Structures are given as structure tokens and as C-alpha cells.
mmCIF file of all heavy atoms, coordinates in Angstrom:
data_MODEL
# 
_entry.id   MODEL 
# 
loop_
_atom_site.group_PDB 
_atom_site.id 
_atom_site.type_symbol 
_atom_site.label_atom_id 
_atom_site.label_alt_id 
_atom_site.label_comp_id 
_atom_site.label_asym_id 
_atom_site.label_entity_id 
_atom_site.label_seq_id 
_atom_site.pdbx_PDB_ins_code 
_atom_site.Cartn_x 
_atom_site.Cartn_y 
_atom_site.Cartn_z 
_atom_site.occupancy 
_atom_site.B_iso_or_equiv 
_atom_site.pdbx_formal_charge 
_atom_site.auth_seq_id 
_atom_site.auth_comp_id 
_atom_site.auth_asym_id 
_atom_site.auth_atom_id 
_atom_site.pdbx_PDB_model_num 
ATOM 1   N N   . VAL A 1 1  ? 218.761 80.321 -131.301 1.00 0.00 ? 1  VAL A N   1 
ATOM 2   C CA  . VAL A 1 1  ? 217.883 80.353 -132.472 1.00 0.00 ? 1  VAL A CA  1 
ATOM 3   C C   . VAL A 1 1  ? 218.374 79.299 -133.451 1.00 0.00 ? 1  VAL A C   1 
ATOM 4   O O   . VAL A 1 1  ? 219.584 79.147 -133.658 1.00 0.00 ? 1  VAL A O   1 
ATOM 5   C CB  . VAL A 1 1  ? 217.894 81.750 -133.124 1.00 0.00 ? 1  VAL A CB  1 
ATOM 6   C CG1 . VAL A 1 1  ? 217.143 81.737 -134.440 1.00 0.00 ? 1  VAL A CG1 1 
ATOM 7   C CG2 . VAL A 1 1  ? 217.304 82.791 -132.178 1.00 0.00 ? 1  VAL A CG2 1 
ATOM 8   N N   . ALA A 1 2  ? 217.441 78.560 -134.051 1.00 0.00 ? 2  ALA A N   1 
ATOM 9   C CA  . ALA A 1 2  ? 217.802 77.513 -135.011 1.00 0.00 ? 2  ALA A CA  1 
ATOM 10  C C   . ALA A 1 2  ? 217.769 78.064 -136.431 1.00 0.00 ? 2  ALA A C   1 
ATOM 11  O O   . ALA A 1 2  ? 216.902 78.866 -136.779 1.00 0.00 ? 2  ALA A O   1 
ATOM 12  C CB  . ALA A 1 2  ? 216.856 76.327 -134.888 1.00 0.00 ? 2  ALA A CB  1 
ATOM 13  N N   . LEU A 1 3  ? 218.733 77.618 -137.245 1.00 0.00 ? 3  LEU A N   1 
ATOM 14  C CA  . LEU A 1 3  ? 218.788 77.992 -138.653 1.00 0.00 ? 3  LEU A CA  1 
ATOM 15  C C   . LEU A 1 3  ? 218.554 76.726 -139.473 1.00 0.00 ? 3  LEU A C   1 
ATOM 16  O O   . LEU A 1 3  ? 219.331 75.768 -139.386 1.00 0.00 ? 3  LEU A O   1 
ATOM 17  C CB  . LEU A 1 3  ? 220.154 78.602 -138.980 1.00 0.00 ? 3  LEU A CB  1 
ATOM 18  C CG  . LEU A 1 3  ? 220.290 79.280 -140.343 1.00 0.00 ? 3  LEU A CG  1 
ATOM 19  C CD1 . LEU A 1 3  ? 219.435 80.537 -140.392 1.00 0.00 ? 3  LEU A CD1 1 
ATOM 20  C CD2 . LEU A 1 3  ? 221.751 79.637 -140.620 1.00 0.00 ? 3  LEU A CD2 1 
ATOM 21  N N   . ALA A 1 4  ? 217.479 76.690 -140.243 1.00 0.00 ? 4  ALA A N   1 
ATOM 22  C CA  . ALA A 1 4  ? 217.158 75.512 -141.058 1.00 0.00 ? 4  ALA A CA  1 
ATOM 23  C C   . ALA A 1 4  ? 218.086 75.469 -142.264 1.00 0.00 ? 4  ALA A C   1 
ATOM 24  O O   . ALA A 1 4  ? 218.202 76.443 -143.005 1.00 0.00 ? 4  ALA A O   1 
ATOM 25  C CB  . ALA A 1 4  ? 215.705 75.568 -141.498 1.00 0.00 ? 4  ALA A CB  1 
ATOM 26  N N   . LEU A 1 5  ? 218.718 74.310 -142.490 1.00 0.00 ? 5  LEU A N   1 
ATOM 27  C CA  . LEU A 1 5  ? 219.734 74.186 -143.544 1.00 0.00 ? 5  LEU A CA  1 
ATOM 28  C C   . LEU A 1 5  ? 219.330 73.224 -144.649 1.00 0.00 ? 5  LEU A C   1 
ATOM 29  O O   . LEU A 1 5  ? 219.783 73.363 -145.789 1.00 0.00 ? 5  LEU A O   1 
ATOM 30  C CB  . LEU A 1 5  ? 221.057 73.703 -142.920 1.00 0.00 ? 5  LEU A CB  1 
ATOM 31  C CG  . LEU A 1 5  ? 221.608 74.519 -141.753 1.00 0.00 ? 5  LEU A CG  1 
ATOM 32  C CD1 . LEU A 1 5  ? 222.820 73.810 -141.147 1.00 0.00 ? 5  LEU A CD1 1 
ATOM 33  C CD2 . LEU A 1 5  ? 221.987 75.919 -142.206 1.00 0.00 ? 5  LEU A CD2 1 
ATOM 34  N N   . ASP A 1 6  ? 218.514 72.251 -144.333 1.00 0.00 ? 6  ASP A N   1 
ATOM 35  C CA  . ASP A 1 6  ? 218.182 71.169 -145.272 1.00 0.00 ? 6  ASP A CA  1 
ATOM 36  C C   . ASP A 1 6  ? 216.825 71.439 -145.925 1.00 0.00 ? 6  ASP A C   1 
ATOM 37  O O   . ASP A 1 6  ? 215.848 71.762 -145.235 1.00 0.00 ? 6  ASP A O   1 
ATOM 38  C CB  . ASP A 1 6  ? 218.157 69.841 -144.508 1.00 0.00 ? 6  ASP A CB  1 
ATOM 39  C CG  . ASP A 1 6  ? 217.712 68.687 -145.368 1.00 0.00 ? 6  ASP A CG  1 
ATOM 40  O OD1 . ASP A 1 6  ? 218.507 68.236 -146.218 1.00 0.00 ? 6  ASP A OD1 1 
ATOM 41  O OD2 . ASP A 1 6  ? 216.557 68.243 -145.199 1.00 0.00 ? 6  ASP A OD2 1 
ATOM 42  N N   . LEU A 1 7  ? 216.730 71.298 -147.245 1.00 0.00 ? 7  LEU A N   1 
ATOM 43  C CA  . LEU A 1 7  ? 215.487 71.611 -147.959 1.00 0.00 ? 7  LEU A CA  1 
ATOM 44  C C   . LEU A 1 7  ? 214.340 70.694 -147.568 1.00 0.00 ? 7  LEU A C   1 
ATOM 45  O O   . LEU A 1 7  ? 213.183 71.136 -147.507 1.00 0.00 ? 7  LEU A O   1 
ATOM 46  C CB  . LEU A 1 7  ? 215.717 71.564 -149.470 1.00 0.00 ? 7  LEU A CB  1 
ATOM 47  C CG  . LEU A 1 7  ? 216.663 72.614 -150.065 1.00 0.00 ? 7  LEU A CG  1 
ATOM 48  C CD1 . LEU A 1 7  ? 216.625 72.542 -151.591 1.00 0.00 ? 7  LEU A CD1 1 
ATOM 49  C CD2 . LEU A 1 7  ? 216.314 74.014 -149.592 1.00 0.00 ? 7  LEU A CD2 1 
ATOM 50  N N   . ASP A 1 8  ? 214.630 69.435 -147.312 1.00 0.00 ? 8  ASP A N   1 
ATOM 51  C CA  . ASP A 1 8  ? 213.553 68.532 -146.883 1.00 0.00 ? 8  ASP A CA  1 
ATOM 52  C C   . ASP A 1 8  ? 213.005 68.955 -145.525 1.00 0.00 ? 8  ASP A C   1 
ATOM 53  O O   . ASP A 1 8  ? 211.787 68.904 -145.292 1.00 0.00 ? 8  ASP A O   1 
ATOM 54  C CB  . ASP A 1 8  ? 214.059 67.091 -146.819 1.00 0.00 ? 8  ASP A CB  1 
ATOM 55  C CG  . ASP A 1 8  ? 214.254 66.480 -148.194 1.00 0.00 ? 8  ASP A CG  1 
ATOM 56  O OD1 . ASP A 1 8  ? 213.570 66.917 -149.147 1.00 0.00 ? 8  ASP A OD1 1 
ATOM 57  O OD2 . ASP A 1 8  ? 215.097 65.564 -148.327 1.00 0.00 ? 8  ASP A OD2 1 
ATOM 58  N N   . PHE A 1 9  ? 213.901 69.376 -144.630 1.00 0.00 ? 9  PHE A N   1 
ATOM 59  C CA  . PHE A 1 9  ? 213.439 69.844 -143.326 1.00 0.00 ? 9  PHE A CA  1 
ATOM 60  C C   . PHE A 1 9  ? 212.666 71.154 -143.469 1.00 0.00 ? 9  PHE A C   1 
ATOM 61  O O   . PHE A 1 9  ? 211.670 71.375 -142.777 1.00 0.00 ? 9  PHE A O   1 
ATOM 62  C CB  . PHE A 1 9  ? 214.627 70.030 -142.380 1.00 0.00 ? 9  PHE A CB  1 
ATOM 63  C CG  . PHE A 1 9  ? 214.232 70.504 -141.005 1.00 0.00 ? 9  PHE A CG  1 
ATOM 64  C CD1 . PHE A 1 9  ? 213.227 69.873 -140.296 1.00 0.00 ? 9  PHE A CD1 1 
ATOM 65  C CD2 . PHE A 1 9  ? 214.861 71.594 -140.429 1.00 0.00 ? 9  PHE A CD2 1 
ATOM 66  C CE1 . PHE A 1 9  ? 212.855 70.307 -139.031 1.00 0.00 ? 9  PHE A CE1 1 
ATOM 67  C CE2 . PHE A 1 9  ? 214.496 72.044 -139.167 1.00 0.00 ? 9  PHE A CE2 1 
ATOM 68  C CZ  . PHE A 1 9  ? 213.488 71.397 -138.465 1.00 0.00 ? 9  PHE A CZ  1 
ATOM 69  N N   . ILE A 1 10 ? 213.103 72.011 -144.369 1.00 0.00 ? 10 ILE A N   1 
ATOM 70  C CA  . ILE A 1 10 ? 212.381 73.264 -144.610 1.00 0.00 ? 10 ILE A CA  1 
ATOM 71  C C   . ILE A 1 10 ? 210.974 72.966 -145.133 1.00 0.00 ? 10 ILE A C   1 
ATOM 72  O O   . ILE A 1 10 ? 209.995 73.608 -144.717 1.00 0.00 ? 10 ILE A O   1 
ATOM 73  C CB  . ILE A 1 10 ? 213.164 74.153 -145.591 1.00 0.00 ? 10 ILE A CB  1 
ATOM 74  C CG1 . ILE A 1 10 ? 214.431 74.684 -144.900 1.00 0.00 ? 10 ILE A CG1 1 
ATOM 75  C CG2 . ILE A 1 10 ? 212.311 75.304 -146.107 1.00 0.00 ? 10 ILE A CG2 1 
ATOM 76  C CD1 . ILE A 1 10 ? 215.398 75.378 -145.817 1.00 0.00 ? 10 ILE A CD1 1 
ATOM 77  N N   . LYS A 1 11 ? 210.860 71.986 -146.012 1.00 0.00 ? 11 LYS A N   1 
ATOM 78  C CA  . LYS A 1 11 ? 209.531 71.585 -146.501 1.00 0.00 ? 11 LYS A CA  1 
ATOM 79  C C   . LYS A 1 11 ? 208.675 71.054 -145.358 1.00 0.00 ? 11 LYS A C   1 
ATOM 80  O O   . LYS A 1 11 ? 207.464 71.322 -145.288 1.00 0.00 ? 11 LYS A O   1 
ATOM 81  C CB  . LYS A 1 11 ? 209.681 70.527 -147.590 1.00 0.00 ? 11 LYS A CB  1 
ATOM 82  C CG  . LYS A 1 11 ? 208.358 70.113 -148.226 1.00 0.00 ? 11 LYS A CG  1 
ATOM 83  C CD  . LYS A 1 11 ? 208.581 69.098 -149.346 1.00 0.00 ? 11 LYS A CD  1 
ATOM 84  C CE  . LYS A 1 11 ? 207.251 68.690 -149.976 1.00 0.00 ? 11 LYS A CE  1 
ATOM 85  N NZ  . LYS A 1 11 ? 207.453 67.689 -151.062 1.00 0.00 ? 11 LYS A NZ  1 
ATOM 86  N N   . THR A 1 12 ? 209.305 70.334 -144.438 1.00 0.00 ? 12 THR A N   1 
ATOM 87  C CA  . THR A 1 12 ? 208.589 69.828 -143.268 1.00 0.00 ? 12 THR A CA  1 
ATOM 88  C C   . THR A 1 12 ? 208.073 70.978 -142.407 1.00 0.00 ? 12 THR A C   1 
ATOM 89  O O   . THR A 1 12 ? 206.929 70.966 -141.943 1.00 0.00 ? 12 THR A O   1 
ATOM 90  C CB  . THR A 1 12 ? 209.519 68.926 -142.429 1.00 0.00 ? 12 THR A CB  1 
ATOM 91  O OG1 . THR A 1 12 ? 209.880 67.781 -143.206 1.00 0.00 ? 12 THR A OG1 1 
ATOM 92  C CG2 . THR A 1 12 ? 208.833 68.455 -141.154 1.00 0.00 ? 12 THR A CG2 1 
ATOM 93  N N   . ILE A 1 13 ? 208.902 71.996 -142.223 1.00 0.00 ? 13 ILE A N   1 
ATOM 94  C CA  . ILE A 1 13 ? 208.513 73.158 -141.413 1.00 0.00 ? 13 ILE A CA  1 
ATOM 95  C C   . ILE A 1 13 ? 207.325 73.882 -142.043 1.00 0.00 ? 13 ILE A C   1 
ATOM 96  O O   . ILE A 1 13 ? 206.341 74.200 -141.369 1.00 0.00 ? 13 ILE A O   1 
ATOM 97  C CB  . ILE A 1 13 ? 209.701 74.139 -141.268 1.00 0.00 ? 13 ILE A CB  1 
ATOM 98  C CG1 . ILE A 1 13 ? 210.809 73.519 -140.418 1.00 0.00 ? 13 ILE A CG1 1 
ATOM 99  C CG2 . ILE A 1 13 ? 209.244 75.465 -140.655 1.00 0.00 ? 13 ILE A CG2 1 
ATOM 100 C CD1 . ILE A 1 13 ? 212.092 74.332 -140.423 1.00 0.00 ? 13 ILE A CD1 1 
ATOM 101 N N   . LEU A 1 14 ? 207.423 74.156 -143.337 1.00 0.00 ? 14 LEU A N   1 
ATOM 102 C CA  . LEU A 1 14 ? 206.438 75.006 -144.003 1.00 0.00 ? 14 LEU A CA  1 
ATOM 103 C C   . LEU A 1 14 ? 205.151 74.279 -144.376 1.00 0.00 ? 14 LEU A C   1 
ATOM 104 O O   . LEU A 1 14 ? 204.098 74.918 -144.469 1.00 0.00 ? 14 LEU A O   1 
ATOM 105 C CB  . LEU A 1 14 ? 207.057 75.616 -145.260 1.00 0.00 ? 14 LEU A CB  1 
ATOM 106 C CG  . LEU A 1 14 ? 208.266 76.539 -145.044 1.00 0.00 ? 14 LEU A CG  1 
ATOM 107 C CD1 . LEU A 1 14 ? 208.798 77.019 -146.386 1.00 0.00 ? 14 LEU A CD1 1 
ATOM 108 C CD2 . LEU A 1 14 ? 207.902 77.717 -144.155 1.00 0.00 ? 14 LEU A CD2 1 
ATOM 109 N N   . ILE A 1 15 ? 205.245 72.964 -144.583 1.00 0.00 ? 15 ILE A N   1 
ATOM 110 C CA  . ILE A 1 15 ? 204.074 72.241 -145.105 1.00 0.00 ? 15 ILE A CA  1 
ATOM 111 C C   . ILE A 1 15 ? 203.703 71.029 -144.240 1.00 0.00 ? 15 ILE A C   1 
ATOM 112 O O   . ILE A 1 15 ? 202.644 71.006 -143.614 1.00 0.00 ? 15 ILE A O   1 
ATOM 113 C CB  . ILE A 1 15 ? 204.336 71.795 -146.559 1.00 0.00 ? 15 ILE A CB  1 
ATOM 114 C CG1 . ILE A 1 15 ? 204.671 73.006 -147.444 1.00 0.00 ? 15 ILE A CG1 1 
ATOM 115 C CG2 . ILE A 1 15 ? 203.117 71.050 -147.119 1.00 0.00 ? 15 ILE A CG2 1 
ATOM 116 C CD1 . ILE A 1 15 ? 205.136 72.653 -148.832 1.00 0.00 ? 15 ILE A CD1 1 
ATOM 117 N N   . LYS A 1 16 ? 204.569 70.029 -144.209 1.00 0.00 ? 16 LYS A N   1 
ATOM 118 C CA  . LYS A 1 16 ? 204.220 68.746 -143.605 1.00 0.00 ? 16 LYS A CA  1 
ATOM 119 C C   . LYS A 1 16 ? 203.868 68.877 -142.128 1.00 0.00 ? 16 LYS A C   1 
ATOM 120 O O   . LYS A 1 16 ? 202.846 68.346 -141.662 1.00 0.00 ? 16 LYS A O   1 
ATOM 121 C CB  . LYS A 1 16 ? 205.374 67.752 -143.792 1.00 0.00 ? 16 LYS A CB  1 
ATOM 122 C CG  . LYS A 1 16 ? 205.073 66.367 -143.249 1.00 0.00 ? 16 LYS A CG  1 
ATOM 123 C CD  . LYS A 1 16 ? 206.248 65.434 -143.476 1.00 0.00 ? 16 LYS A CD  1 
ATOM 124 C CE  . LYS A 1 16 ? 205.973 64.060 -142.856 1.00 0.00 ? 16 LYS A CE  1 
ATOM 125 N NZ  . LYS A 1 16 ? 207.136 63.157 -143.026 1.00 0.00 ? 16 LYS A NZ  1 
ATOM 126 N N   . ASP A 1 17 ? 204.720 69.547 -141.358 1.00 0.00 ? 17 ASP A N   1 
ATOM 127 C CA  . ASP A 1 17 ? 204.484 69.717 -139.917 1.00 0.00 ? 17 ASP A CA  1 
ATOM 128 C C   . ASP A 1 17 ? 204.123 71.161 -139.590 1.00 0.00 ? 17 ASP A C   1 
ATOM 129 O O   . ASP A 1 17 ? 204.501 71.688 -138.534 1.00 0.00 ? 17 ASP A O   1 
ATOM 130 C CB  . ASP A 1 17 ? 205.717 69.289 -139.112 1.00 0.00 ? 17 ASP A CB  1 
ATOM 131 C CG  . ASP A 1 17 ? 205.874 67.782 -139.062 1.00 0.00 ? 17 ASP A CG  1 
ATOM 132 O OD1 . ASP A 1 17 ? 204.902 67.069 -139.387 1.00 0.00 ? 17 ASP A OD1 1 
ATOM 133 O OD2 . ASP A 1 17 ? 206.966 67.304 -138.697 1.00 0.00 ? 17 ASP A OD2 1 
ATOM 134 N N   . PHE A 1 18 ? 203.376 71.777 -140.481 1.00 0.00 ? 18 PHE A N   1 
ATOM 135 C CA  . PHE A 1 18 ? 203.018 73.183 -140.305 1.00 0.00 ? 18 PHE A CA  1 
ATOM 136 C C   . PHE A 1 18 ? 202.322 73.437 -138.964 1.00 0.00 ? 18 PHE A C   1 
ATOM 137 O O   . PHE A 1 18 ? 202.480 74.502 -138.368 1.00 0.00 ? 18 PHE A O   1 
ATOM 138 C CB  . PHE A 1 18 ? 202.099 73.624 -141.456 1.00 0.00 ? 18 PHE A CB  1 
ATOM 139 C CG  . PHE A 1 18 ? 201.548 75.006 -141.299 1.00 0.00 ? 18 PHE A CG  1 
ATOM 140 C CD1 . PHE A 1 18 ? 202.341 76.125 -141.520 1.00 0.00 ? 18 PHE A CD1 1 
ATOM 141 C CD2 . PHE A 1 18 ? 200.220 75.207 -140.914 1.00 0.00 ? 18 PHE A CD2 1 
ATOM 142 C CE1 . PHE A 1 18 ? 201.833 77.406 -141.368 1.00 0.00 ? 18 PHE A CE1 1 
ATOM 143 C CE2 . PHE A 1 18 ? 199.702 76.481 -140.758 1.00 0.00 ? 18 PHE A CE2 1 
ATOM 144 C CZ  . PHE A 1 18 ? 200.513 77.586 -140.983 1.00 0.00 ? 18 PHE A CZ  1 
ATOM 145 N N   . GLN A 1 19 ? 201.578 72.440 -138.469 1.00 0.00 ? 19 GLN A N   1 
ATOM 146 C CA  . GLN A 1 19 ? 200.830 72.634 -137.222 1.00 0.00 ? 19 GLN A CA  1 
ATOM 147 C C   . GLN A 1 19 ? 201.757 72.940 -136.041 1.00 0.00 ? 19 GLN A C   1 
ATOM 148 O O   . GLN A 1 19 ? 201.334 73.554 -135.059 1.00 0.00 ? 19 GLN A O   1 
ATOM 149 C CB  . GLN A 1 19 ? 199.962 71.408 -136.907 1.00 0.00 ? 19 GLN A CB  1 
ATOM 150 C CG  . GLN A 1 19 ? 200.737 70.141 -136.511 1.00 0.00 ? 19 GLN A CG  1 
ATOM 151 C CD  . GLN A 1 19 ? 201.143 69.304 -137.700 1.00 0.00 ? 19 GLN A CD  1 
ATOM 152 O OE1 . GLN A 1 19 ? 201.188 69.792 -138.820 1.00 0.00 ? 19 GLN A OE1 1 
ATOM 153 N NE2 . GLN A 1 19 ? 201.415 68.030 -137.464 1.00 0.00 ? 19 GLN A NE2 1 
ATOM 154 N N   . HIS A 1 20 ? 203.018 72.549 -136.144 1.00 0.00 ? 20 HIS A N   1 
ATOM 155 C CA  . HIS A 1 20 ? 203.985 72.846 -135.078 1.00 0.00 ? 20 HIS A CA  1 
ATOM 156 C C   . HIS A 1 20 ? 204.679 74.190 -135.299 1.00 0.00 ? 20 HIS A C   1 
ATOM 157 O O   . HIS A 1 20 ? 205.257 74.759 -134.367 1.00 0.00 ? 20 HIS A O   1 
ATOM 158 C CB  . HIS A 1 20 ? 205.057 71.755 -135.010 1.00 0.00 ? 20 HIS A CB  1 
ATOM 159 C CG  . HIS A 1 20 ? 204.519 70.395 -134.702 1.00 0.00 ? 20 HIS A CG  1 
ATOM 160 N ND1 . HIS A 1 20 ? 203.977 70.057 -133.475 1.00 0.00 ? 20 HIS A ND1 1 
ATOM 161 C CD2 . HIS A 1 20 ? 204.426 69.268 -135.467 1.00 0.00 ? 20 HIS A CD2 1 
ATOM 162 C CE1 . HIS A 1 20 ? 203.582 68.785 -133.495 1.00 0.00 ? 20 HIS A CE1 1 
ATOM 163 N NE2 . HIS A 1 20 ? 203.839 68.296 -134.692 1.00 0.00 ? 20 HIS A NE2 1 
ATOM 164 N N   . PHE A 1 21 ? 204.624 74.694 -136.531 1.00 0.00 ? 21 PHE A N   1 
ATOM 165 C CA  . PHE A 1 21 ? 205.407 75.880 -136.895 1.00 0.00 ? 21 PHE A CA  1 
ATOM 166 C C   . PHE A 1 21 ? 204.529 76.991 -137.485 1.00 0.00 ? 21 PHE A C   1 
ATOM 167 O O   . PHE A 1 21 ? 204.997 77.791 -138.279 1.00 0.00 ? 21 PHE A O   1 
ATOM 168 C CB  . PHE A 1 21 ? 206.470 75.510 -137.941 1.00 0.00 ? 21 PHE A CB  1 
ATOM 169 C CG  . PHE A 1 21 ? 207.504 74.529 -137.480 1.00 0.00 ? 21 PHE A CG  1 
ATOM 170 C CD1 . PHE A 1 21 ? 207.325 73.165 -137.654 1.00 0.00 ? 21 PHE A CD1 1 
ATOM 171 C CD2 . PHE A 1 21 ? 208.680 74.971 -136.872 1.00 0.00 ? 21 PHE A CD2 1 
ATOM 172 C CE1 . PHE A 1 21 ? 208.291 72.254 -137.250 1.00 0.00 ? 21 PHE A CE1 1 
ATOM 173 C CE2 . PHE A 1 21 ? 209.653 74.076 -136.465 1.00 0.00 ? 21 PHE A CE2 1 
ATOM 174 C CZ  . PHE A 1 21 ? 209.460 72.716 -136.644 1.00 0.00 ? 21 PHE A CZ  1 
ATOM 175 N N   . HIS A 1 22 ? 203.241 77.045 -137.112 1.00 0.00 ? 22 HIS A N   1 
ATOM 176 C CA  . HIS A 1 22 ? 202.349 77.947 -137.848 1.00 0.00 ? 22 HIS A CA  1 
ATOM 177 C C   . HIS A 1 22 ? 202.511 79.417 -137.476 1.00 0.00 ? 22 HIS A C   1 
ATOM 178 O O   . HIS A 1 22 ? 202.041 80.294 -138.196 1.00 0.00 ? 22 HIS A O   1 
ATOM 179 C CB  . HIS A 1 22 ? 200.879 77.519 -137.709 1.00 0.00 ? 22 HIS A CB  1 
ATOM 180 C CG  . HIS A 1 22 ? 200.372 77.429 -136.304 1.00 0.00 ? 22 HIS A CG  1 
ATOM 181 N ND1 . HIS A 1 22 ? 200.136 78.518 -135.518 1.00 0.00 ? 22 HIS A ND1 1 
ATOM 182 C CD2 . HIS A 1 22 ? 200.047 76.337 -135.557 1.00 0.00 ? 22 HIS A CD2 1 
ATOM 183 C CE1 . HIS A 1 22 ? 199.674 78.119 -134.342 1.00 0.00 ? 22 HIS A CE1 1 
ATOM 184 N NE2 . HIS A 1 22 ? 199.623 76.809 -134.329 1.00 0.00 ? 22 HIS A NE2 1 
ATOM 185 N N   . ASP A 1 23 ? 203.172 79.731 -136.368 1.00 0.00 ? 23 ASP A N   1 
ATOM 186 C CA  . ASP A 1 23 ? 203.340 81.127 -135.979 1.00 0.00 ? 23 ASP A CA  1 
ATOM 187 C C   . ASP A 1 23 ? 204.722 81.647 -136.358 1.00 0.00 ? 23 ASP A C   1 
ATOM 188 O O   . ASP A 1 23 ? 205.698 80.888 -136.402 1.00 0.00 ? 23 ASP A O   1 
ATOM 189 C CB  . ASP A 1 23 ? 203.128 81.300 -134.477 1.00 0.00 ? 23 ASP A CB  1 
ATOM 190 C CG  . ASP A 1 23 ? 201.684 81.019 -134.061 1.00 0.00 ? 23 ASP A CG  1 
ATOM 191 O OD1 . ASP A 1 23 ? 200.810 81.091 -134.945 1.00 0.00 ? 23 ASP A OD1 1 
ATOM 192 O OD2 . ASP A 1 23 ? 201.452 80.716 -132.877 1.00 0.00 ? 23 ASP A OD2 1 
ATOM 193 N N   . ARG A 1 24 ? 204.813 82.940 -136.594 1.00 0.00 ? 24 ARG A N   1 
ATOM 194 C CA  . ARG A 1 24 ? 206.093 83.553 -136.953 1.00 0.00 ? 24 ARG A CA  1 
ATOM 195 C C   . ARG A 1 24 ? 206.901 83.949 -135.721 1.00 0.00 ? 24 ARG A C   1 
ATOM 196 O O   . ARG A 1 24 ? 208.114 84.159 -135.811 1.00 0.00 ? 24 ARG A O   1 
ATOM 197 C CB  . ARG A 1 24 ? 205.864 84.797 -137.821 1.00 0.00 ? 24 ARG A CB  1 
ATOM 198 C CG  . ARG A 1 24 ? 205.161 84.511 -139.142 1.00 0.00 ? 24 ARG A CG  1 
ATOM 199 C CD  . ARG A 1 24 ? 205.064 85.767 -139.983 1.00 0.00 ? 24 ARG A CD  1 
ATOM 200 N NE  . ARG A 1 24 ? 204.190 85.601 -141.136 1.00 0.00 ? 24 ARG A NE  1 
ATOM 201 C CZ  . ARG A 1 24 ? 204.564 85.093 -142.297 1.00 0.00 ? 24 ARG A CZ  1 
ATOM 202 N NH1 . ARG A 1 24 ? 205.808 84.691 -142.461 1.00 0.00 ? 24 ARG A NH1 1 
ATOM 203 N NH2 . ARG A 1 24 ? 203.705 84.982 -143.295 1.00 0.00 ? 24 ARG A NH2 1 
ATOM 204 N N   . GLY A 1 25 ? 206.241 84.094 -134.598 1.00 0.00 ? 25 GLY A N   1 
ATOM 205 C CA  . GLY A 1 25 ? 206.948 84.457 -133.380 1.00 0.00 ? 25 GLY A CA  1 
ATOM 206 C C   . GLY A 1 25 ? 207.256 85.932 -133.253 1.00 0.00 ? 25 GLY A C   1 
ATOM 207 O O   . GLY A 1 25 ? 208.051 86.340 -132.408 1.00 0.00 ? 25 GLY A O   1 
ATOM 208 N N   . PHE A 1 26 ? 206.634 86.758 -134.097 1.00 0.00 ? 26 PHE A N   1 
ATOM 209 C CA  . PHE A 1 26 ? 206.841 88.202 -134.009 1.00 0.00 ? 26 PHE A CA  1 
ATOM 210 C C   . PHE A 1 26 ? 205.957 88.780 -132.908 1.00 0.00 ? 26 PHE A C   1 
ATOM 211 O O   . PHE A 1 26 ? 204.902 88.247 -132.580 1.00 0.00 ? 26 PHE A O   1 
ATOM 212 C CB  . PHE A 1 26 ? 206.502 88.885 -135.339 1.00 0.00 ? 26 PHE A CB  1 
ATOM 213 C CG  . PHE A 1 26 ? 207.410 88.512 -136.462 1.00 0.00 ? 26 PHE A CG  1 
ATOM 214 C CD1 . PHE A 1 26 ? 206.938 88.514 -137.773 1.00 0.00 ? 26 PHE A CD1 1 
ATOM 215 C CD2 . PHE A 1 26 ? 208.728 88.150 -136.238 1.00 0.00 ? 26 PHE A CD2 1 
ATOM 216 C CE1 . PHE A 1 26 ? 207.762 88.171 -138.823 1.00 0.00 ? 26 PHE A CE1 1 
ATOM 217 C CE2 . PHE A 1 26 ? 209.567 87.798 -137.291 1.00 0.00 ? 26 PHE A CE2 1 
ATOM 218 C CZ  . PHE A 1 26 ? 209.081 87.811 -138.587 1.00 0.00 ? 26 PHE A CZ  1 
ATOM 219 N N   . TYR A 1 27 ? 206.385 89.901 -132.389 1.00 0.00 ? 27 TYR A N   1 
ATOM 220 C CA  . TYR A 1 27 ? 205.621 90.596 -131.351 1.00 0.00 ? 27 TYR A CA  1 
ATOM 221 C C   . TYR A 1 27 ? 204.440 91.329 -131.971 1.00 0.00 ? 27 TYR A C   1 
ATOM 222 O O   . TYR A 1 27 ? 204.573 91.970 -133.011 1.00 0.00 ? 27 TYR A O   1 
ATOM 223 C CB  . TYR A 1 27 ? 206.536 91.587 -130.635 1.00 0.00 ? 27 TYR A CB  1 
ATOM 224 C CG  . TYR A 1 27 ? 205.831 92.484 -129.641 1.00 0.00 ? 27 TYR A CG  1 
ATOM 225 C CD1 . TYR A 1 27 ? 205.386 91.977 -128.419 1.00 0.00 ? 27 TYR A CD1 1 
ATOM 226 C CD2 . TYR A 1 27 ? 205.607 93.825 -129.920 1.00 0.00 ? 27 TYR A CD2 1 
ATOM 227 C CE1 . TYR A 1 27 ? 204.745 92.790 -127.509 1.00 0.00 ? 27 TYR A CE1 1 
ATOM 228 C CE2 . TYR A 1 27 ? 204.974 94.651 -129.007 1.00 0.00 ? 27 TYR A CE2 1 
ATOM 229 C CZ  . TYR A 1 27 ? 204.544 94.124 -127.798 1.00 0.00 ? 27 TYR A CZ  1 
ATOM 230 O OH  . TYR A 1 27 ? 203.914 94.940 -126.898 1.00 0.00 ? 27 TYR A OH  1 
# 
């Protein structure tokens, strides 16, 4: 499991590249 550490990368996850990260992965 990856742990996001950098705020710019976190912004990329949540906003900029949201199309790659749009699911939460919960069952």
C-alpha cells in the first residue's frame, strides 16, 4: 500500500489526475 507524503502529489491525486484515482477501493 502506498502512503502519499508530498502535498503537491496529494493535490495531483485528488484534483489534477483525479481520473486515475477516482475510486476509494472499498468493498
